Protein backbone atom coordinates (compact mmCIF):
# COMPACT_ATOMS: atom_id res chain seq x y z
CA UNK A 1 0.00 0.00 0.00
CA UNK A 2 1.37 3.43 -0.87
CA UNK A 3 0.12 6.55 0.81
CA UNK A 4 0.98 10.16 -0.15
CA UNK A 5 1.25 12.66 2.65
CA UNK A 6 2.23 16.32 2.14
CA UNK A 7 3.95 15.51 -1.13
CA UNK A 8 6.10 12.82 0.51
CA UNK A 9 5.61 9.26 -0.62
CA UNK A 10 5.42 6.82 2.30
CA UNK A 11 5.30 3.07 1.92
CA UNK A 12 3.06 1.41 4.50
CA UNK A 13 3.08 -2.33 5.06
CA UNK A 14 -0.23 -4.13 5.00
CA UNK A 15 -1.17 -5.71 8.33
CA UNK A 16 -0.58 -9.24 7.04
CA UNK A 17 2.78 -8.36 5.51
CA UNK A 18 5.16 -9.36 8.30
CA UNK A 19 8.89 -8.90 8.15
CA UNK A 20 10.46 -12.24 7.24
CA UNK A 21 13.35 -14.04 8.86
CA UNK A 22 14.77 -16.94 6.85
CA UNK A 23 17.25 -19.35 8.44
CA UNK A 24 19.16 -21.63 6.06
CA UNK A 25 21.79 -24.08 7.21
CA UNK A 26 22.93 -27.59 7.95
CA UNK A 27 21.47 -29.93 10.54
CA UNK A 28 22.61 -27.67 13.40
CA UNK A 29 19.69 -25.30 12.75
CA UNK A 30 17.02 -27.95 13.21
CA UNK A 31 14.20 -26.49 15.35
CA UNK A 32 15.82 -23.01 15.46
CA UNK A 33 13.12 -21.48 13.25
CA UNK A 34 10.32 -22.91 15.39
CA UNK A 35 11.96 -21.64 18.58
CA UNK A 36 12.56 -18.20 17.08
CA UNK A 37 8.96 -17.99 15.82
CA UNK A 38 7.71 -18.82 19.30
CA UNK A 39 9.88 -16.08 20.83
CA UNK A 40 8.96 -13.41 18.26
CA UNK A 41 5.26 -14.29 18.15
CA UNK A 42 3.26 -12.27 15.64
CA UNK A 43 5.86 -9.64 14.72
CA UNK A 44 7.76 -11.78 12.22
CA UNK A 45 7.30 -14.65 9.84
CA UNK A 46 10.11 -17.15 10.44
CA UNK A 47 11.09 -19.94 8.02
CA UNK A 48 13.83 -22.52 8.34
CA UNK A 49 15.44 -24.59 5.60
CA UNK A 50 17.57 -27.49 6.84
CA UNK A 51 20.09 -28.92 4.40
CA UNK A 52 21.34 -31.91 6.41
CA UNK A 53 24.94 -32.77 5.65
CA UNK A 54 25.24 -29.93 3.15
CA UNK A 55 28.45 -28.02 2.66
CA UNK A 56 28.60 -24.25 2.53
CA UNK A 57 28.46 -24.27 -1.30
CA UNK A 58 25.00 -25.90 -1.23
CA UNK A 59 23.81 -23.63 1.57
CA UNK A 60 25.02 -20.48 -0.22
CA UNK A 61 23.30 -21.59 -3.44
CA UNK A 62 20.04 -22.01 -1.48
CA UNK A 63 20.43 -18.53 -0.03
CA UNK A 64 20.81 -17.01 -3.49
CA UNK A 65 17.52 -18.59 -4.56
CA UNK A 66 15.70 -17.43 -1.43
CA UNK A 67 16.92 -13.81 -1.55
CA UNK A 68 14.89 -13.13 -4.70
CA UNK A 69 11.69 -13.66 -2.68
CA UNK A 70 12.55 -11.12 0.02
CA UNK A 71 12.50 -7.35 0.38
CA UNK A 72 15.04 -4.97 1.92
CA UNK A 73 13.60 -5.25 5.42
CA UNK A 74 13.75 -9.04 5.62
CA UNK A 75 16.57 -10.98 7.28
CA UNK A 76 18.49 -14.05 6.10
CA UNK A 77 20.56 -16.08 8.56
CA UNK A 78 23.12 -18.43 6.99
CA UNK A 79 24.33 -21.06 9.44
CA UNK A 80 26.94 -23.57 8.40
CA UNK A 81 30.51 -24.61 8.70
CA UNK A 82 30.46 -28.23 9.80
CA UNK A 83 32.01 -29.19 6.44
């Protein structure tokens, strides 16, 4: 939704448009997204993508795909390093 006010263009988020937090990583992140969602409640939409046994190259490739779906206010957490 875009609202003009005194000649200044303000962008206003719709009520259902929550800021997103995406966590992508190896098996060490299992259940992190669910725990974070519980802590943040309704303020954020939290998603977790577990790539069990994946190296950083696979995780980074997944991040590149996911970034295209986000906006400038969203957050991506990349968690890896076991390989």
